[in-house]
Amino acid sequence: MTRKTNATPGETEKVAKKGILENKAVLLGVIVIVQALVAIGLTQYILMPKLNVNQAAMAGDPLQEISAEAPQRGVMVGLDDIIVTLAGNSRRPRYLRININLEVENKITAEAVRMRLPQMRDAVIMTLTEKSAEDLNKPGGKMNLRAEIFKRLDESISGGKLMNVYFSDLVIQ
């Protein structure tokens, strides 16, 4: 039952090697594996550093993620709703309702802001009444308003540092 071939031992090795490379399924599998490895490599070494994804987030460890972010966050102090009449056409007054939250460095600064809340609200109201609806609706108008409020409030906070100003509600009517 053995079959005799006239091929020499060197020729049988060539036929066996040729058979593996000619097998389309094996060749397709090798190509897919190489592409997967290239995609993983690109993701790990090029995309992830640009997206600033830290190792704790990739590992799924929420405690490390929270502790890594904790020093960067401050204490929030709300200024409550503020409603003002905007500058502009006096025949048809325009109103602005805004809710502003301040992020300060620490609890001591937050308490100092709470003690001076009427002054903080006054500075914001004076800033807002100088603006018109057109000023706020321009491209970058709200960002400019935020920067101006930040500047005015940062100058009036003593014993700490204002980190950011957030608008949690802004309606122009």
C-alpha atoms as a PDB file:
ATOM      1  CA  MET A   1       0.000   0.000   0.000  1.00  0.00           C
ATOM      2  CA  THR A   2       2.920   2.293  -0.030  1.00  0.00           C
ATOM      3  CA  ARG A   3       3.254   4.324  -3.079  1.00  0.00           C
ATOM      4  CA  LYS A   4       6.572   4.636  -4.710  1.00  0.00           C
ATOM      5  CA  THR A   5       7.553   7.873  -6.259  1.00  0.00           C
ATOM      6  CA  ASN A   6      10.451   8.611  -8.473  1.00  0.00           C
ATOM      7  CA  ALA A   7      11.179  11.916  -6.681  1.00  0.00           C
ATOM      8  CA  THR A   8      14.373  12.384  -4.755  1.00  0.00           C
ATOM      9  CA  PRO A   9      14.261  13.400  -1.093  1.00  0.00           C
ATOM     10  CA  GLY A  10      15.142  17.060  -1.932  1.00  0.00           C
ATOM     11  CA  GLU A  11      12.277  17.307  -4.417  1.00  0.00           C
ATOM     12  CA  THR A  12       9.721  16.040  -1.882  1.00  0.00           C
ATOM     13  CA  GLU A  13      10.732  18.828   0.520  1.00  0.00           C
ATOM     14  CA  LYS A  14      10.206  21.427  -2.253  1.00  0.00           C
ATOM     15  CA  VAL A  15       6.764  19.984  -3.027  1.00  0.00           C
ATOM     16  CA  ALA A  16       5.806  20.071   0.669  1.00  0.00           C
ATOM     17  CA  LYS A  17       6.977  23.693   1.054  1.00  0.00           C
ATOM     18  CA  LYS A  18       5.235  24.701  -2.147  1.00  0.00           C
ATOM     19  CA  GLY A  19       2.025  23.083  -0.923  1.00  0.00           C
ATOM     20  CA  ILE A  20       1.962  25.156   2.288  1.00  0.00           C
ATOM     21  CA  LEU A  21       2.444  28.441   0.405  1.00  0.00           C
ATOM     22  CA  GLU A  22      -0.136  27.510  -2.197  1.00  0.00           C
ATOM     23  CA  ASN A  23      -2.753  26.728   0.459  1.00  0.00           C
ATOM     24  CA  LYS A  24      -4.972  29.826   0.333  1.00  0.00           C
ATOM     25  CA  ALA A  25      -6.471  29.329   3.787  1.00  0.00           C
ATOM     26  CA  VAL A  26      -3.052  29.295   5.458  1.00  0.00           C
ATOM     27  CA  LEU A  27      -1.881  32.301   3.471  1.00  0.00           C
ATOM     28  CA  LEU A  28      -5.064  34.230   4.330  1.00  0.00           C
ATOM     29  CA  GLY A  29      -4.650  33.352   8.021  1.00  0.00           C
ATOM     30  CA  VAL A  30      -1.065  34.644   8.034  1.00  0.00           C
ATOM     31  CA  ILE A  31      -2.172  37.917   6.406  1.00  0.00           C
ATOM     32  CA  VAL A  32      -4.995  38.414   8.944  1.00  0.00           C
ATOM     33  CA  ILE A  33      -2.642  37.778  11.889  1.00  0.00           C
ATOM     34  CA  VAL A  34      -0.059  40.236  10.549  1.00  0.00           C
ATOM     35  CA  GLN A  35      -2.730  42.903  10.025  1.00  0.00           C
ATOM     36  CA  ALA A  36      -4.100  42.395  13.544  1.00  0.00           C
ATOM     37  CA  LEU A  37      -0.622  42.754  15.047  1.00  0.00           C
ATOM     38  CA  VAL A  38       0.005  45.944  13.063  1.00  0.00           C
ATOM     39  CA  ALA A  39      -3.363  47.388  14.188  1.00  0.00           C
ATOM     40  CA  ILE A  40      -2.661  46.587  17.845  1.00  0.00           C
ATOM     41  CA  GLY A  41       0.812  48.088  17.600  1.00  0.00           C
ATOM     42  CA  LEU A  42      -0.477  51.297  16.017  1.00  0.00           C
ATOM     43  CA  THR A  43      -3.179  51.622  18.630  1.00  0.00           C
ATOM     44  CA  GLN A  44      -0.848  51.053  21.584  1.00  0.00           C
ATOM     45  CA  TYR A  45       2.101  53.165  20.507  1.00  0.00           C
ATOM     46  CA  ILE A  46       0.613  55.926  18.361  1.00  0.00           C
ATOM     47  CA  LEU A  47      -3.070  56.499  19.169  1.00  0.00           C
ATOM     48  CA  MET A  48      -3.202  55.848  22.928  1.00  0.00           C
ATOM     49  CA  PRO A  49      -0.505  58.392  23.879  1.00  0.00           C
ATOM     50  CA  LYS A  50      -2.225  61.038  21.745  1.00  0.00           C
ATOM     51  CA  LEU A  51      -5.560  60.351  23.450  1.00  0.00           C
ATOM     52  CA  ASN A  52      -3.890  60.522  26.897  1.00  0.00           C
ATOM     53  CA  VAL A  53      -5.423  57.281  28.047  1.00  0.00           C
ATOM     54  CA  ASN A  54      -3.788  56.295  31.316  1.00  0.00           C
ATOM     55  CA  GLN A  55      -2.999  52.764  32.378  1.00  0.00           C
ATOM     56  CA  ALA A  56      -5.597  52.770  35.193  1.00  0.00           C
ATOM     57  CA  ALA A  57      -8.402  53.488  32.756  1.00  0.00           C
ATOM     58  CA  MET A  58      -7.216  50.722  30.425  1.00  0.00           C
ATOM     59  CA  ALA A  59      -6.936  48.284  33.321  1.00  0.00           C
ATOM     60  CA  GLY A  60     -10.412  49.246  34.511  1.00  0.00           C
ATOM     61  CA  ASP A  61      -9.295  50.170  38.038  1.00  0.00           C
ATOM     62  CA  PRO A  62     -11.667  52.980  39.067  1.00  0.00           C
ATOM     63  CA  LEU A  63      -9.860  53.715  42.350  1.00  0.00           C
ATOM     64  CA  GLN A  64      -6.604  54.567  40.594  1.00  0.00           C
ATOM     65  CA  GLU A  65      -8.488  56.679  38.058  1.00  0.00           C
ATOM     66  CA  ILE A  66     -10.241  58.689  40.778  1.00  0.00           C
ATOM     67  CA  SER A  67      -7.067  59.188  42.795  1.00  0.00           C
ATOM     68  CA  ALA A  68      -5.203  60.337  39.678  1.00  0.00           C
ATOM     69  CA  GLU A  69      -7.873  62.982  38.966  1.00  0.00           C
ATOM     70  CA  ALA A  70      -8.505  64.084  42.554  1.00  0.00           C
ATOM     71  CA  PRO A  71      -5.636  66.612  42.871  1.00  0.00           C
ATOM     72  CA  GLN A  72      -6.739  68.377  39.681  1.00  0.00           C
ATOM     73  CA  ARG A  73     -10.290  69.086  40.870  1.00  0.00           C
ATOM     74  CA  GLY A  74     -11.315  71.942  43.083  1.00  0.00           C
ATOM     75  CA  VAL A  75     -14.321  72.799  45.202  1.00  0.00           C
ATOM     76  CA  MET A  76     -17.469  74.101  43.481  1.00  0.00           C
ATOM     77  CA  VAL A  77     -19.364  77.164  44.706  1.00  0.00           C
ATOM     78  CA  GLY A  78     -22.663  78.103  43.073  1.00  0.00           C
ATOM     79  CA  LEU A  79     -23.758  81.712  42.541  1.00  0.00           C
ATOM     80  CA  ASP A  80     -27.413  80.678  42.011  1.00  0.00           C
ATOM     81  CA  ASP A  81     -29.604  82.018  39.205  1.00  0.00           C
ATOM     82  CA  ILE A  82     -28.905  85.538  38.017  1.00  0.00           C
ATOM     83  CA  ILE A  83     -31.412  87.371  35.805  1.00  0.00           C
ATOM     84  CA  VAL A  84     -30.418  90.656  34.142  1.00  0.00           C
ATOM     85  CA  THR A  85     -31.616  92.978  31.414  1.00  0.00           C
ATOM     86  CA  LEU A  86     -29.057  93.027  28.617  1.00  0.00           C
ATOM     87  CA  ALA A  87     -27.759  96.228  27.035  1.00  0.00           C
ATOM     88  CA  GLY A  88     -29.177  97.150  23.670  1.00  0.00           C
ATOM     89  CA  ASN A  89     -32.416  98.348  22.143  1.00  0.00           C
ATOM     90  CA  SER A  90     -34.552  99.872  24.913  1.00  0.00           C
ATOM     91  CA  ARG A  91     -37.836  99.442  22.957  1.00  0.00           C
ATOM     92  CA  ARG A  92     -37.557  95.675  23.197  1.00  0.00           C
ATOM     93  CA  PRO A  93     -35.591  94.656  26.285  1.00  0.00           C
ATOM     94  CA  ARG A  94     -33.677  91.372  26.186  1.00  0.00           C
ATOM     95  CA  TYR A  95     -33.139  89.286  29.301  1.00  0.00           C
ATOM     96  CA  LEU A  96     -30.456  86.844  30.332  1.00  0.00           C
ATOM     97  CA  ARG A  97     -30.858  84.113  32.917  1.00  0.00           C
ATOM     98  CA  ILE A  98     -27.618  82.458  33.882  1.00  0.00           C
ATOM     99  CA  ASN A  99     -26.439  80.075  36.576  1.00  0.00           C
ATOM    100  CA  ILE A 100     -22.719  80.242  37.301  1.00  0.00           C
ATOM    101  CA  ASN A 101     -20.568  77.863  39.314  1.00  0.00           C
ATOM    102  CA  LEU A 102     -17.043  78.708  40.415  1.00  0.00           C
ATOM    103  CA  GLU A 103     -14.315  76.126  40.892  1.00  0.00           C
ATOM    104  CA  VAL A 104     -11.811  77.177  43.550  1.00  0.00           C
ATOM    105  CA  GLU A 105      -8.645  75.528  44.844  1.00  0.00           C
ATOM    106  CA  ASN A 106      -9.741  74.322  48.272  1.00  0.00           C
ATOM    107  CA  LYS A 107     -12.416  74.413  50.973  1.00  0.00           C
ATOM    108  CA  ILE A 108     -10.903  77.453  52.664  1.00  0.00           C
ATOM    109  CA  THR A 109     -11.193  79.449  49.451  1.00  0.00           C
ATOM    110  CA  ALA A 110     -14.722  78.105  48.904  1.00  0.00           C
ATOM    111  CA  GLU A 111     -15.738  79.354  52.337  1.00  0.00           C
ATOM    112  CA  ALA A 112     -14.189  82.764  51.625  1.00  0.00           C
ATOM    113  CA  VAL A 113     -16.202  82.950  48.381  1.00  0.00           C
ATOM    114  CA  ARG A 114     -19.411  81.985  50.200  1.00  0.00           C
ATOM    115  CA  MET A 115     -18.785  84.768  52.736  1.00  0.00           C
ATOM    116  CA  ARG A 116     -18.384  87.242  49.851  1.00  0.00           C
ATOM    117  CA  LEU A 117     -21.213  85.857  47.698  1.00  0.00           C
ATOM    118  CA  PRO A 118     -23.052  89.215  47.352  1.00  0.00           C
ATOM    119  CA  GLN A 119     -19.863  90.829  46.032  1.00  0.00           C
ATOM    120  CA  MET A 120     -19.294  87.946  43.599  1.00  0.00           C
ATOM    121  CA  ARG A 121     -22.857  88.155  42.310  1.00  0.00           C
ATOM    122  CA  ASP A 122     -22.551  91.951  41.964  1.00  0.00           C
ATOM    123  CA  ALA A 123     -19.381  91.623  39.877  1.00  0.00           C
ATOM    124  CA  VAL A 124     -21.123  89.114  37.604  1.00  0.00           C
ATOM    125  CA  ILE A 125     -24.276  91.245  37.292  1.00  0.00           C
ATOM    126  CA  MET A 126     -22.255  94.325  36.377  1.00  0.00           C
ATOM    127  CA  THR A 127     -20.376  92.338  33.751  1.00  0.00           C
ATOM    128  CA  LEU A 128     -23.567  90.892  32.281  1.00  0.00           C
ATOM    129  CA  THR A 129     -25.467  94.175  32.048  1.00  0.00           C
ATOM    130  CA  GLU A 130     -22.710  95.601  29.837  1.00  0.00           C
ATOM    131  CA  LYS A 131     -23.333  92.868  27.238  1.00  0.00           C
ATOM    132  CA  SER A 132     -25.957  92.788  24.499  1.00  0.00           C
ATOM    133  CA  ALA A 133     -27.684  89.731  23.084  1.00  0.00           C
ATOM    134  CA  GLU A 134     -25.673  90.214  19.892  1.00  0.00           C
ATOM    135  CA  ASP A 135     -22.409  90.150  21.880  1.00  0.00           C
ATOM    136  CA  LEU A 136     -23.333  86.802  23.411  1.00  0.00           C
ATOM    137  CA  ASN A 137     -24.621  85.255  20.178  1.00  0.00           C
ATOM    138  CA  LYS A 138     -21.455  86.042  18.200  1.00  0.00           C
ATOM    139  CA  PRO A 139     -19.030  83.170  17.620  1.00  0.00           C
ATOM    140  CA  GLY A 140     -16.946  83.016  20.766  1.00  0.00           C
ATOM    141  CA  GLY A 141     -19.253  85.435  22.601  1.00  0.00           C
ATOM    142  CA  LYS A 142     -19.971  83.089  25.482  1.00  0.00           C
ATOM    143  CA  MET A 143     -16.303  82.131  25.771  1.00  0.00           C
ATOM    144  CA  ASN A 144     -15.362  85.837  25.942  1.00  0.00           C
ATOM    145  CA  LEU A 145     -18.007  86.351  28.621  1.00  0.00           C
ATOM    146  CA  ARG A 146     -16.612  83.451  30.627  1.00  0.00           C
ATOM    147  CA  ALA A 147     -13.082  84.881  30.362  1.00  0.00           C
ATOM    148  CA  GLU A 148     -14.233  88.335  31.459  1.00  0.00           C
ATOM    149  CA  ILE A 149     -16.173  86.940  34.443  1.00  0.00           C
ATOM    150  CA  PHE A 150     -13.167  84.813  35.368  1.00  0.00           C
ATOM    151  CA  LYS A 151     -10.872  87.853  35.305  1.00  0.00           C
ATOM    152  CA  ARG A 152     -13.181  90.009  37.438  1.00  0.00           C
ATOM    153  CA  LEU A 153     -13.860  87.310  40.026  1.00  0.00           C
ATOM    154  CA  ASP A 154     -10.251  86.112  40.226  1.00  0.00           C
ATOM    155  CA  GLU A 155      -9.169  89.642  41.171  1.00  0.00           C
ATOM    156  CA  SER A 156     -11.711  89.776  43.995  1.00  0.00           C
ATOM    157  CA  ILE A 157     -10.945  86.370  45.572  1.00  0.00           C
ATOM    158  CA  SER A 158      -8.412  86.605  48.369  1.00  0.00           C
ATOM    159  CA  GLY A 159      -6.717  83.719  50.110  1.00  0.00           C
ATOM    160  CA  GLY A 160      -7.052  81.375  47.177  1.00  0.00           C
ATOM    161  CA  LYS A 161      -7.198  80.913  43.481  1.00  0.00           C
ATOM    162  CA  LEU A 162     -10.124  80.686  41.091  1.00  0.00           C
ATOM    163  CA  MET A 163      -9.620  77.646  38.868  1.00  0.00           C
ATOM    164  CA  ASN A 164     -12.558  77.875  36.469  1.00  0.00           C
ATOM    165  CA  VAL A 165     -15.975  79.397  35.782  1.00  0.00           C
ATOM    166  CA  TYR A 166     -18.810  77.154  34.562  1.00  0.00           C
ATOM    167  CA  PHE A 167     -22.173  78.103  33.099  1.00  0.00           C
ATOM    168  CA  SER A 168     -24.726  75.490  34.118  1.00  0.00           C
ATOM    169  CA  ASP A 169     -27.642  77.436  32.637  1.00  0.00           C
ATOM    170  CA  LEU A 170     -27.745  80.267  30.098  1.00  0.00           C
ATOM    171  CA  VAL A 171     -30.955  81.509  28.483  1.00  0.00           C
ATOM    172  CA  ILE A 172     -31.300  84.658  26.381  1.00  0.00           C
ATOM    173  CA  GLN A 173     -34.831  85.914  25.824  1.00  0.00           C
END
